[in-house]
PDB file of all heavy atoms in Angstrom:
ATOM      1  N   VAL A   1     -15.713   2.911  -3.934  1.00  0.00           N
ATOM      2  CA  VAL A   1     -14.449   2.234  -4.235  1.00  0.00           C
ATOM      3  C   VAL A   1     -14.696   0.737  -4.380  1.00  0.00           C
ATOM      4  O   VAL A   1     -15.390   0.126  -3.555  1.00  0.00           O
ATOM      5  CB  VAL A   1     -13.404   2.506  -3.128  1.00  0.00           C
ATOM      6  CG1 VAL A   1     -12.148   1.687  -3.347  1.00  0.00           C
ATOM      7  CG2 VAL A   1     -13.081   3.990  -3.068  1.00  0.00           C
ATOM      8  N   THR A   2     -14.097   0.108  -5.407  1.00  0.00           N
ATOM      9  CA  THR A   2     -14.254  -1.337  -5.623  1.00  0.00           C
ATOM     10  C   THR A   2     -13.021  -2.123  -5.198  1.00  0.00           C
ATOM     11  O   THR A   2     -13.132  -3.246  -4.714  1.00  0.00           O
ATOM     12  CB  THR A   2     -14.536  -1.624  -7.109  1.00  0.00           C
ATOM     13  OG1 THR A   2     -15.685  -0.875  -7.517  1.00  0.00           O
ATOM     14  CG2 THR A   2     -14.786  -3.104  -7.357  1.00  0.00           C
ATOM     15  N   ALA A   3     -11.836  -1.544  -5.384  1.00  0.00           N
ATOM     16  CA  ALA A   3     -10.584  -2.215  -4.989  1.00  0.00           C
ATOM     17  C   ALA A   3      -9.712  -1.211  -4.245  1.00  0.00           C
ATOM     18  O   ALA A   3      -9.746  -0.008  -4.532  1.00  0.00           O
ATOM     19  CB  ALA A   3      -9.854  -2.753  -6.215  1.00  0.00           C
ATOM     20  N   SER A   4      -8.931  -1.718  -3.304  1.00  0.00           N
ATOM     21  CA  SER A   4      -8.056  -0.812  -2.547  1.00  0.00           C
ATOM     22  C   SER A   4      -6.775  -1.528  -2.142  1.00  0.00           C
ATOM     23  O   SER A   4      -6.724  -2.765  -2.099  1.00  0.00           O
ATOM     24  CB  SER A   4      -8.772  -0.275  -1.300  1.00  0.00           C
ATOM     25  OG  SER A   4      -8.844  -1.274  -0.299  1.00  0.00           O
ATOM     26  N   MET A   5      -5.780  -0.738  -1.870  1.00  0.00           N
ATOM     27  CA  MET A   5      -4.517  -1.259  -1.327  1.00  0.00           C
ATOM     28  C   MET A   5      -3.964  -0.204  -0.386  1.00  0.00           C
ATOM     29  O   MET A   5      -4.045   0.997  -0.669  1.00  0.00           O
ATOM     30  CB  MET A   5      -3.514  -1.549  -2.455  1.00  0.00           C
ATOM     31  CG  MET A   5      -2.237  -2.239  -1.959  1.00  0.00           C
ATOM     32  SD  MET A   5      -1.124  -2.713  -3.314  1.00  0.00           S
ATOM     33  CE  MET A   5      -0.373  -1.134  -3.703  1.00  0.00           C
ATOM     34  N   SER A   6      -3.445  -0.632   0.742  1.00  0.00           N
ATOM     35  CA  SER A   6      -2.856   0.309   1.705  1.00  0.00           C
ATOM     36  C   SER A   6      -1.475  -0.175   2.109  1.00  0.00           C
ATOM     37  O   SER A   6      -1.246  -1.380   2.257  1.00  0.00           O
ATOM     38  CB  SER A   6      -3.749   0.456   2.937  1.00  0.00           C
ATOM     39  OG  SER A   6      -3.983  -0.800   3.532  1.00  0.00           O
ATOM     40  N   ILE A   7      -0.567   0.770   2.250  1.00  0.00           N
ATOM     41  CA  ILE A   7       0.818   0.482   2.643  1.00  0.00           C
ATOM     42  C   ILE A   7       1.103   1.274   3.912  1.00  0.00           C
ATOM     43  O   ILE A   7       0.904   2.497   3.951  1.00  0.00           O
ATOM     44  CB  ILE A   7       1.805   0.884   1.528  1.00  0.00           C
ATOM     45  CG1 ILE A   7       1.424   0.192   0.215  1.00  0.00           C
ATOM     46  CG2 ILE A   7       3.234   0.547   1.927  1.00  0.00           C
ATOM     47  CD1 ILE A   7       2.053   0.827  -1.006  1.00  0.00           C
ATOM     48  N   SER A   8       1.547   0.596   4.945  1.00  0.00           N
ATOM     49  CA  SER A   8       1.782   1.248   6.234  1.00  0.00           C
ATOM     50  C   SER A   8       3.047   2.093   6.199  1.00  0.00           C
ATOM     51  O   SER A   8       4.073   1.684   5.648  1.00  0.00           O
ATOM     52  CB  SER A   8       1.904   0.200   7.346  1.00  0.00           C
ATOM     53  OG  SER A   8       0.753  -0.600   7.398  1.00  0.00           O
ATOM     54  N   LEU A   9       2.962   3.258   6.824  1.00  0.00           N
ATOM     55  CA  LEU A   9       4.119   4.133   7.018  1.00  0.00           C
ATOM     56  C   LEU A   9       4.340   4.268   8.517  1.00  0.00           C
ATOM     57  O   LEU A   9       3.457   4.755   9.244  1.00  0.00           O
ATOM     58  CB  LEU A   9       3.866   5.513   6.386  1.00  0.00           C
ATOM     59  CG  LEU A   9       3.654   5.515   4.865  1.00  0.00           C
ATOM     60  CD1 LEU A   9       3.233   6.900   4.395  1.00  0.00           C
ATOM     61  CD2 LEU A   9       4.920   5.062   4.133  1.00  0.00           C
ATOM     62  N   ASN A  10       5.480   3.805   8.991  1.00  0.00           N
ATOM     63  CA  ASN A  10       5.760   3.780  10.425  1.00  0.00           C
ATOM     64  C   ASN A  10       6.929   4.697  10.766  1.00  0.00           C
ATOM     65  O   ASN A  10       7.898   4.784  10.015  1.00  0.00           O
ATOM     66  CB  ASN A  10       6.090   2.357  10.885  1.00  0.00           C
ATOM     67  CG  ASN A  10       4.943   1.400  10.625  1.00  0.00           C
ATOM     68  OD1 ASN A  10       3.824   1.639  11.048  1.00  0.00           O
ATOM     69  ND2 ASN A  10       5.219   0.319   9.900  1.00  0.00           N
ATOM     70  N   LYS A  11       6.799   5.363  11.903  1.00  0.00           N
ATOM     71  CA  LYS A  11       7.883   6.214  12.404  1.00  0.00           C
ATOM     72  C   LYS A  11       8.043   5.926  13.889  1.00  0.00           C
ATOM     73  O   LYS A  11       7.075   5.970  14.644  1.00  0.00           O
ATOM     74  CB  LYS A  11       7.554   7.688  12.184  1.00  0.00           C
ATOM     75  CG  LYS A  11       8.606   8.656  12.707  1.00  0.00           C
ATOM     76  CD  LYS A  11       8.240  10.078  12.323  1.00  0.00           C
ATOM     77  CE  LYS A  11       9.226  11.072  12.923  1.00  0.00           C
ATOM     78  NZ  LYS A  11       8.954  11.330  14.347  1.00  0.00           N
ATOM     79  N   ASP A  12       9.276   5.617  14.281  1.00  0.00           N
ATOM     80  CA  ASP A  12       9.562   5.282  15.687  1.00  0.00           C
ATOM     81  C   ASP A  12       8.658   4.147  16.171  1.00  0.00           C
ATOM     82  O   ASP A  12       8.101   4.190  17.277  1.00  0.00           O
ATOM     83  CB  ASP A  12       9.388   6.506  16.585  1.00  0.00           C
ATOM     84  CG  ASP A  12      10.322   7.641  16.215  1.00  0.00           C
ATOM     85  OD1 ASP A  12      11.432   7.344  15.751  1.00  0.00           O
ATOM     86  OD2 ASP A  12       9.929   8.814  16.362  1.00  0.00           O
ATOM     87  N   LYS A  13       8.477   3.135  15.307  1.00  0.00           N
ATOM     88  CA  LYS A  13       7.702   1.932  15.609  1.00  0.00           C
ATOM     89  C   LYS A  13       6.222   2.222  15.866  1.00  0.00           C
ATOM     90  O   LYS A  13       5.513   1.419  16.485  1.00  0.00           O
ATOM     91  CB  LYS A  13       8.305   1.192  16.815  1.00  0.00           C
ATOM     92  CG  LYS A  13       9.721   0.701  16.576  1.00  0.00           C
ATOM     93  CD  LYS A  13      10.260  -0.070  17.769  1.00  0.00           C
ATOM     94  CE  LYS A  13      11.676  -0.562  17.505  1.00  0.00           C
ATOM     95  NZ  LYS A  13      12.234  -1.309  18.657  1.00  0.00           N
ATOM     96  N   LYS A  14       5.743   3.373  15.401  1.00  0.00           N
ATOM     97  CA  LYS A  14       4.330   3.721  15.518  1.00  0.00           C
ATOM     98  C   LYS A  14       3.786   4.054  14.136  1.00  0.00           C
ATOM     99  O   LYS A  14       4.520   4.522  13.265  1.00  0.00           O
ATOM    100  CB  LYS A  14       4.142   4.916  16.463  1.00  0.00           C
ATOM    101  CG  LYS A  14       4.526   4.627  17.904  1.00  0.00           C
ATOM    102  CD  LYS A  14       4.314   5.848  18.769  1.00  0.00           C
ATOM    103  CE  LYS A  14       4.714   5.566  20.219  1.00  0.00           C
ATOM    104  NZ  LYS A  14       4.556   6.772  21.077  1.00  0.00           N
ATOM    105  N   LEU A  15       2.474   3.808  13.965  1.00  0.00           N
ATOM    106  CA  LEU A  15       1.836   4.071  12.680  1.00  0.00           C
ATOM    107  C   LEU A  15       1.737   5.574  12.462  1.00  0.00           C
ATOM    108  O   LEU A  15       1.013   6.271  13.176  1.00  0.00           O
ATOM    109  CB  LEU A  15       0.458   3.413  12.648  1.00  0.00           C
ATOM    110  CG  LEU A  15      -0.260   3.403  11.293  1.00  0.00           C
ATOM    111  CD1 LEU A  15       0.517   2.557  10.284  1.00  0.00           C
ATOM    112  CD2 LEU A  15      -1.683   2.871  11.448  1.00  0.00           C
ATOM    113  N   TRP A  16       2.465   6.069  11.466  1.00  0.00           N
ATOM    114  CA  TRP A  16       2.484   7.497  11.141  1.00  0.00           C
ATOM    115  C   TRP A  16       1.401   7.846  10.126  1.00  0.00           C
ATOM    116  O   TRP A  16       0.800   8.915  10.165  1.00  0.00           O
ATOM    117  CB  TRP A  16       3.866   7.855  10.587  1.00  0.00           C
ATOM    118  CG  TRP A  16       4.049   9.282  10.165  1.00  0.00           C
ATOM    119  CD1 TRP A  16       4.490  10.314  10.943  1.00  0.00           C
ATOM    120  CD2 TRP A  16       3.820   9.835   8.853  1.00  0.00           C
ATOM    121  NE1 TRP A  16       4.549  11.475  10.202  1.00  0.00           N
ATOM    122  CE2 TRP A  16       4.141  11.209   8.919  1.00  0.00           C
ATOM    123  CE3 TRP A  16       3.379   9.295   7.645  1.00  0.00           C
ATOM    124  CZ2 TRP A  16       4.042  12.049   7.810  1.00  0.00           C
ATOM    125  CZ3 TRP A  16       3.262  10.132   6.544  1.00  0.00           C
ATOM    126  CH2 TRP A  16       3.592  11.496   6.624  1.00  0.00           C
ATOM    127  N   GLY A  17       1.147   6.915   9.197  1.00  0.00           N
ATOM    128  CA  GLY A  17       0.161   7.168   8.154  1.00  0.00           C
ATOM    129  C   GLY A  17       0.060   5.985   7.206  1.00  0.00           C
ATOM    130  O   GLY A  17       0.597   4.899   7.468  1.00  0.00           O
ATOM    131  N   LEU A  18      -0.624   6.185   6.107  1.00  0.00           N
ATOM    132  CA  LEU A  18      -0.837   5.132   5.108  1.00  0.00           C
ATOM    133  C   LEU A  18      -0.649   5.704   3.705  1.00  0.00           C
ATOM    134  O   LEU A  18      -0.966   6.876   3.454  1.00  0.00           O
ATOM    135  CB  LEU A  18      -2.264   4.568   5.204  1.00  0.00           C
ATOM    136  CG  LEU A  18      -2.688   3.862   6.496  1.00  0.00           C
ATOM    137  CD1 LEU A  18      -4.185   3.605   6.460  1.00  0.00           C
ATOM    138  CD2 LEU A  18      -1.919   2.556   6.675  1.00  0.00           C
ATOM    139  N   ILE A  19      -0.149   4.853   2.800  1.00  0.00           N
ATOM    140  CA  ILE A  19      -0.295   5.120   1.371  1.00  0.00           C
ATOM    141  C   ILE A  19      -1.580   4.402   0.974  1.00  0.00           C
ATOM    142  O   ILE A  19      -1.636   3.166   0.968  1.00  0.00           O
ATOM    143  CB  ILE A  19       0.896   4.588   0.556  1.00  0.00           C
ATOM    144  CG1 ILE A  19       2.213   5.199   1.064  1.00  0.00           C
ATOM    145  CG2 ILE A  19       0.700   4.909  -0.926  1.00  0.00           C
ATOM    146  CD1 ILE A  19       3.450   4.609   0.406  1.00  0.00           C
ATOM    147  N   ALA A  20      -2.635   5.163   0.723  1.00  0.00           N
ATOM    148  CA  ALA A  20      -3.954   4.583   0.457  1.00  0.00           C
ATOM    149  C   ALA A  20      -4.243   4.642  -1.042  1.00  0.00           C
ATOM    150  O   ALA A  20      -4.185   5.715  -1.647  1.00  0.00           O
ATOM    151  CB  ALA A  20      -5.027   5.341   1.237  1.00  0.00           C
ATOM    152  N   CYS A  21      -4.538   3.469  -1.639  1.00  0.00           N
ATOM    153  CA  CYS A  21      -4.801   3.367  -3.081  1.00  0.00           C
ATOM    154  C   CYS A  21      -6.251   2.942  -3.304  1.00  0.00           C
ATOM    155  O   CYS A  21      -6.721   1.991  -2.678  1.00  0.00           O
ATOM    156  CB  CYS A  21      -3.863   2.334  -3.717  1.00  0.00           C
ATOM    157  SG  CYS A  21      -2.118   2.578  -3.344  1.00  0.00           S
ATOM    158  N   HIS A  22      -6.948   3.650  -4.189  1.00  0.00           N
ATOM    159  CA  HIS A  22      -8.342   3.341  -4.500  1.00  0.00           C
ATOM    160  C   HIS A  22      -8.503   3.080  -5.995  1.00  0.00           C
ATOM    161  O   HIS A  22      -7.854   3.733  -6.830  1.00  0.00           O
ATOM    162  CB  HIS A  22      -9.255   4.506  -4.097  1.00  0.00           C
ATOM    163  CG  HIS A  22      -9.423   4.657  -2.623  1.00  0.00           C
ATOM    164  ND1 HIS A  22     -10.057   5.733  -2.039  1.00  0.00           N
ATOM    165  CD2 HIS A  22      -9.037   3.857  -1.588  1.00  0.00           C
ATOM    166  CE1 HIS A  22     -10.072   5.591  -0.721  1.00  0.00           C
ATOM    167  NE2 HIS A  22      -9.447   4.468  -0.426  1.00  0.00           N
ATOM    168  N   HIS A  23      -9.389   2.134  -6.314  1.00  0.00           N
ATOM    169  CA  HIS A  23      -9.730   1.863  -7.711  1.00  0.00           C
ATOM    170  C   HIS A  23     -11.239   1.673  -7.785  1.00  0.00           C
ATOM    171  O   HIS A  23     -11.857   1.160  -6.838  1.00  0.00           O
ATOM    172  CB  HIS A  23      -9.009   0.607  -8.218  1.00  0.00           C
ATOM    173  CG  HIS A  23      -8.718   0.637  -9.685  1.00  0.00           C
ATOM    174  ND1 HIS A  23      -7.821   1.510 -10.242  1.00  0.00           N
ATOM    175  CD2 HIS A  23      -9.231  -0.095 -10.719  1.00  0.00           C
ATOM    176  CE1 HIS A  23      -7.761   1.311 -11.548  1.00  0.00           C
ATOM    177  NE2 HIS A  23      -8.625   0.346 -11.865  1.00  0.00           N
ATOM    178  N   TYR A  24     -11.815   2.100  -8.874  1.00  0.00           N
ATOM    179  CA  TYR A  24     -13.275   2.105  -8.977  1.00  0.00           C
ATOM    180  C   TYR A  24     -13.809   0.942  -9.815  1.00  0.00           C
ATOM    181  O   TYR A  24     -14.949   0.947 -10.254  1.00  0.00           O
ATOM    182  CB  TYR A  24     -13.732   3.468  -9.500  1.00  0.00           C
ATOM    183  CG  TYR A  24     -13.369   4.547  -8.505  1.00  0.00           C
ATOM    184  CD1 TYR A  24     -12.136   5.197  -8.569  1.00  0.00           C
ATOM    185  CD2 TYR A  24     -14.222   4.862  -7.451  1.00  0.00           C
ATOM    186  CE1 TYR A  24     -11.778   6.154  -7.624  1.00  0.00           C
ATOM    187  CE2 TYR A  24     -13.876   5.815  -6.501  1.00  0.00           C
ATOM    188  CZ  TYR A  24     -12.642   6.462  -6.584  1.00  0.00           C
ATOM    189  OH  TYR A  24     -12.295   7.394  -5.637  1.00  0.00           O
ATOM    190  N   SER A  25     -12.974  -0.061 -10.002  1.00  0.00           N
ATOM    191  CA  SER A  25     -13.354  -1.337 -10.605  1.00  0.00           C
ATOM    192  C   SER A  25     -12.427  -2.386 -10.002  1.00  0.00           C
ATOM    193  O   SER A  25     -11.431  -2.044  -9.373  1.00  0.00           O
ATOM    194  CB  SER A  25     -13.217  -1.290 -12.135  1.00  0.00           C
ATOM    195  OG  SER A  25     -11.866  -1.009 -12.502  1.00  0.00           O
ATOM    196  N   PRO A  26     -12.740  -3.680 -10.133  1.00  0.00           N
ATOM    197  CA  PRO A  26     -11.848  -4.695  -9.542  1.00  0.00           C
ATOM    198  C   PRO A  26     -10.420  -4.554 -10.061  1.00  0.00           C
ATOM    199  O   PRO A  26     -10.193  -4.262 -11.235  1.00  0.00           O
ATOM    200  CB  PRO A  26     -12.485  -6.007  -9.998  1.00  0.00           C
ATOM    201  CG  PRO A  26     -13.926  -5.678 -10.207  1.00  0.00           C
ATOM    202  CD  PRO A  26     -13.942  -4.280 -10.758  1.00  0.00           C
ATOM    203  N   LYS A  27      -9.450  -4.765  -9.151  1.00  0.00           N
ATOM    204  CA  LYS A  27      -8.040  -4.636  -9.558  1.00  0.00           C
ATOM    205  C   LYS A  27      -7.180  -5.544  -8.692  1.00  0.00           C
ATOM    206  O   LYS A  27      -7.147  -5.407  -7.471  1.00  0.00           O
ATOM    207  CB  LYS A  27      -7.564  -3.188  -9.429  1.00  0.00           C
ATOM    208  CG  LYS A  27      -6.133  -3.002  -9.934  1.00  0.00           C
ATOM    209  CD  LYS A  27      -5.745  -1.552  -9.959  1.00  0.00           C
ATOM    210  CE  LYS A  27      -4.369  -1.373 -10.598  1.00  0.00           C
ATOM    211  NZ  LYS A  27      -4.301  -1.876 -11.980  1.00  0.00           N
ATOM    212  N   TYR A  28      -6.503  -6.475  -9.347  1.00  0.00           N
ATOM    213  CA  TYR A  28      -5.552  -7.347  -8.652  1.00  0.00           C
ATOM    214  C   TYR A  28      -4.140  -6.852  -8.956  1.00  0.00           C
ATOM    215  O   TYR A  28      -3.818  -6.494 -10.089  1.00  0.00           O
ATOM    216  CB  TYR A  28      -5.701  -8.792  -9.107  1.00  0.00           C
ATOM    217  CG  TYR A  28      -4.693  -9.717  -8.470  1.00  0.00           C
ATOM    218  CD1 TYR A  28      -4.869 -10.164  -7.168  1.00  0.00           C
ATOM    219  CD2 TYR A  28      -3.556 -10.120  -9.168  1.00  0.00           C
ATOM    220  CE1 TYR A  28      -3.948 -10.998  -6.566  1.00  0.00           C
ATOM    221  CE2 TYR A  28      -2.624 -10.961  -8.573  1.00  0.00           C
ATOM    222  CZ  TYR A  28      -2.818 -11.392  -7.276  1.00  0.00           C
ATOM    223  OH  TYR A  28      -1.900 -12.211  -6.682  1.00  0.00           O
ATOM    224  N   VAL A  29      -3.292  -6.814  -7.916  1.00  0.00           N
ATOM    225  CA  VAL A  29      -1.896  -6.395  -8.068  1.00  0.00           C
ATOM    226  C   VAL A  29      -1.021  -7.584  -7.698  1.00  0.00           C
ATOM    227  O   VAL A  29      -1.183  -8.172  -6.622  1.00  0.00           O
ATOM    228  CB  VAL A  29      -1.567  -5.182  -7.167  1.00  0.00           C
ATOM    229  CG1 VAL A  29      -0.117  -4.757  -7.347  1.00  0.00           C
ATOM    230  CG2 VAL A  29      -2.510  -4.020  -7.472  1.00  0.00           C
ATOM    231  N   SER A  30      -0.117  -7.936  -8.583  1.00  0.00           N
ATOM    232  CA  SER A  30       0.721  -9.118  -8.354  1.00  0.00           C
ATOM    233  C   SER A  30       1.614  -8.941  -7.134  1.00  0.00           C
ATOM    234  O   SER A  30       1.872  -7.824  -6.677  1.00  0.00           O
ATOM    235  CB  SER A  30       1.589  -9.382  -9.585  1.00  0.00           C
ATOM    236  OG  SER A  30       2.591  -8.386  -9.695  1.00  0.00           O
ATOM    237  N   TYR A  31       2.064 -10.079  -6.637  1.00  0.00           N
ATOM    238  CA  TYR A  31       2.913 -10.046  -5.445  1.00  0.00           C
ATOM    239  C   TYR A  31       4.195  -9.269  -5.707  1.00  0.00           C
ATOM    240  O   TYR A  31       4.697  -8.561  -4.828  1.00  0.00           O
ATOM    241  CB  TYR A  31       3.238 -11.474  -4.994  1.00  0.00           C
ATOM    242  CG  TYR A  31       3.792 -11.528  -3.589  1.00  0.00           C
ATOM    243  CD1 TYR A  31       2.946 -11.604  -2.498  1.00  0.00           C
ATOM    244  CD2 TYR A  31       5.172 -11.485  -3.366  1.00  0.00           C
ATOM    245  CE1 TYR A  31       3.450 -11.644  -1.202  1.00  0.00           C
ATOM    246  CE2 TYR A  31       5.682 -11.524  -2.076  1.00  0.00           C
ATOM    247  CZ  TYR A  31       4.825 -11.602  -0.999  1.00  0.00           C
ATOM    248  OH  TYR A  31       5.326 -11.622   0.270  1.00  0.00           O
ATOM    249  N   GLU A  32       4.759  -9.382  -6.925  1.00  0.00           N
ATOM    250  CA  GLU A  32       6.001  -8.662  -7.242  1.00  0.00           C
ATOM    251  C   GLU A  32       5.802  -7.159  -7.147  1.00  0.00           C
ATOM    252  O   GLU A  32       6.617  -6.434  -6.567  1.00  0.00           O
ATOM    253  CB  GLU A  32       6.498  -9.030  -8.647  1.00  0.00           C
ATOM    254  CG  GLU A  32       7.130 -10.394  -8.768  1.00  0.00           C
ATOM    255  CD  GLU A  32       6.106 -11.480  -8.987  1.00  0.00           C
ATOM    256  OE1 GLU A  32       4.899 -11.177  -9.032  1.00  0.00           O
ATOM    257  OE2 GLU A  32       6.521 -12.644  -9.120  1.00  0.00           O
ATOM    258  N   VAL A  33       4.699  -6.675  -7.725  1.00  0.00           N
ATOM    259  CA  VAL A  33       4.435  -5.235  -7.691  1.00  0.00           C
ATOM    260  C   VAL A  33       4.144  -4.788  -6.263  1.00  0.00           C
ATOM    261  O   VAL A  33       4.610  -3.737  -5.816  1.00  0.00           O
ATOM    262  CB  VAL A  33       3.269  -4.879  -8.633  1.00  0.00           C
ATOM    263  CG1 VAL A  33       2.909  -3.397  -8.508  1.00  0.00           C
ATOM    264  CG2 VAL A  33       3.642  -5.207 -10.070  1.00  0.00           C
ATOM    265  N   ARG A  34       3.376  -5.602  -5.539  1.00  0.00           N
ATOM    266  CA  ARG A  34       3.092  -5.252  -4.143  1.00  0.00           C
ATOM    267  C   ARG A  34       4.380  -5.185  -3.324  1.00  0.00           C
ATOM    268  O   ARG A  34       4.560  -4.311  -2.469  1.00  0.00           O
ATOM    269  CB  ARG A  34       2.142  -6.284  -3.541  1.00  0.00           C
ATOM    270  CG  ARG A  34       0.695  -6.035  -3.908  1.00  0.00           C
ATOM    271  CD  ARG A  34      -0.129  -7.285  -4.032  1.00  0.00           C
ATOM    272  NE  ARG A  34       0.010  -8.213  -2.905  1.00  0.00           N
ATOM    273  CZ  ARG A  34      -0.374  -9.480  -2.967  1.00  0.00           C
ATOM    274  NH1 ARG A  34      -0.906  -9.965  -4.094  1.00  0.00           N
ATOM    275  NH2 ARG A  34      -0.244 -10.260  -1.936  1.00  0.00           N
ATOM    276  N   THR A  35       5.286  -6.128  -3.585  1.00  0.00           N
ATOM    277  CA  THR A  35       6.568  -6.114  -2.874  1.00  0.00           C
ATOM    278  C   THR A  35       7.339  -4.838  -3.167  1.00  0.00           C
ATOM    279  O   THR A  35       7.945  -4.233  -2.265  1.00  0.00           O
ATOM    280  CB  THR A  35       7.412  -7.336  -3.277  1.00  0.00           C
ATOM    281  OG1 THR A  35       6.689  -8.523  -2.966  1.00  0.00           O
ATOM    282  CG2 THR A  35       8.744  -7.349  -2.537  1.00  0.00           C
ATOM    283  N   ALA A  36       7.301  -4.409  -4.444  1.00  0.00           N
ATOM    284  CA  ALA A  36       7.984  -3.163  -4.803  1.00  0.00           C
ATOM    285  C   ALA A  36       7.365  -1.977  -4.069  1.00  0.00           C
ATOM    286  O   ALA A  36       8.066  -1.108  -3.539  1.00  0.00           O
ATOM    287  CB  ALA A  36       7.915  -2.953  -6.314  1.00  0.00           C
ATOM    288  N   CYS A  37       6.019  -1.953  -3.994  1.00  0.00           N
ATOM    289  CA  CYS A  37       5.335  -0.856  -3.296  1.00  0.00           C
ATOM    290  C   CYS A  37       5.622  -0.891  -1.791  1.00  0.00           C
ATOM    291  O   CYS A  37       5.841   0.149  -1.156  1.00  0.00           O
ATOM    292  CB  CYS A  37       3.831  -0.953  -3.536  1.00  0.00           C
ATOM    293  SG  CYS A  37       3.342  -0.620  -5.233  1.00  0.00           S
ATOM    294  N   GLU A  38       5.618  -2.107  -1.235  1.00  0.00           N
ATOM    295  CA  GLU A  38       5.920  -2.242   0.194  1.00  0.00           C
ATOM    296  C   GLU A  38       7.331  -1.760   0.486  1.00  0.00           C
ATOM    297  O   GLU A  38       7.590  -1.091   1.501  1.00  0.00           O
ATOM    298  CB  GLU A  38       5.751  -3.697   0.619  1.00  0.00           C
ATOM    299  CG  GLU A  38       6.005  -3.943   2.092  1.00  0.00           C
ATOM    300  CD  GLU A  38       5.881  -5.405   2.473  1.00  0.00           C
ATOM    301  OE1 GLU A  38       5.346  -6.191   1.677  1.00  0.00           O
ATOM    302  OE2 GLU A  38       6.345  -5.760   3.577  1.00  0.00           O
ATOM    303  N   PHE A  39       8.250  -2.069  -0.413  1.00  0.00           N
ATOM    304  CA  PHE A  39       9.641  -1.639  -0.245  1.00  0.00           C
ATOM    305  C   PHE A  39       9.735  -0.115  -0.266  1.00  0.00           C
ATOM    306  O   PHE A  39      10.454   0.492   0.533  1.00  0.00           O
ATOM    307  CB  PHE A  39      10.496  -2.252  -1.341  1.00  0.00           C
ATOM    308  CG  PHE A  39      11.961  -1.945  -1.205  1.00  0.00           C
ATOM    309  CD1 PHE A  39      12.689  -2.408  -0.118  1.00  0.00           C
ATOM    310  CD2 PHE A  39      12.614  -1.170  -2.158  1.00  0.00           C
ATOM    311  CE1 PHE A  39      14.035  -2.128   0.012  1.00  0.00           C
ATOM    312  CE2 PHE A  39      13.958  -0.883  -2.030  1.00  0.00           C
ATOM    313  CZ  PHE A  39      14.674  -1.361  -0.941  1.00  0.00           C
ATOM    314  N   LEU A  40       8.981   0.507  -1.182  1.00  0.00           N
ATOM    315  CA  LEU A  40       8.961   1.971  -1.224  1.00  0.00           C
ATOM    316  C   LEU A  40       8.407   2.536   0.088  1.00  0.00           C
ATOM    317  O   LEU A  40       8.896   3.551   0.594  1.00  0.00           O
ATOM    318  CB  LEU A  40       8.109   2.458  -2.392  1.00  0.00           C
ATOM    319  CG  LEU A  40       8.713   2.326  -3.794  1.00  0.00           C
ATOM    320  CD1 LEU A  40       7.746   2.863  -4.838  1.00  0.00           C
ATOM    321  CD2 LEU A  40      10.046   3.055  -3.885  1.00  0.00           C
ATOM    322  N   GLY A  41       7.378   1.874   0.629  1.00  0.00           N
ATOM    323  CA  GLY A  41       6.825   2.319   1.909  1.00  0.00           C
ATOM    324  C   GLY A  41       7.838   2.232   3.034  1.00  0.00           C
ATOM    325  O   GLY A  41       7.918   3.118   3.894  1.00  0.00           O
ATOM    326  N   GLN A  42       8.649   1.169   3.034  1.00  0.00           N
ATOM    327  CA  GLN A  42       9.688   1.033   4.059  1.00  0.00           C
ATOM    328  C   GLN A  42      10.754   2.111   3.905  1.00  0.00           C
ATOM    329  O   GLN A  42      11.226   2.675   4.898  1.00  0.00           O
ATOM    330  CB  GLN A  42      10.320  -0.354   3.967  1.00  0.00           C
ATOM    331  CG  GLN A  42       9.426  -1.471   4.474  1.00  0.00           C
ATOM    332  CD  GLN A  42      10.115  -2.813   4.404  1.00  0.00           C
ATOM    333  OE1 GLN A  42      10.067  -3.501   3.393  1.00  0.00           O
ATOM    334  NE2 GLN A  42      10.782  -3.183   5.480  1.00  0.00           N
ATOM    335  N   VAL A  43      11.128   2.401   2.653  1.00  0.00           N
ATOM    336  CA  VAL A  43      12.119   3.455   2.417  1.00  0.00           C
ATOM    337  C   VAL A  43      11.582   4.797   2.908  1.00  0.00           C
ATOM    338  O   VAL A  43      12.281   5.569   3.577  1.00  0.00           O
ATOM    339  CB  VAL A  43      12.493   3.524   0.925  1.00  0.00           C
ATOM    340  CG1 VAL A  43      13.368   4.745   0.652  1.00  0.00           C
ATOM    341  CG2 VAL A  43      13.207   2.254   0.494  1.00  0.00           C
TER     342      VAL A  43
END
C-alpha cells in the first residue's frame, strides 16, 4: 500500500472499527472530501 486513509467508527464512546482505505500509488484527498467522509463515519 502506498497511500491510506482511515475513519474511526465509535459506539458507546469506544472504538468499534475503522473504515480503512488503501491505494497502491500516492493519493491526496482534499480537506472537503475528507470532511464529507468523516461526516459519513459519524453518521
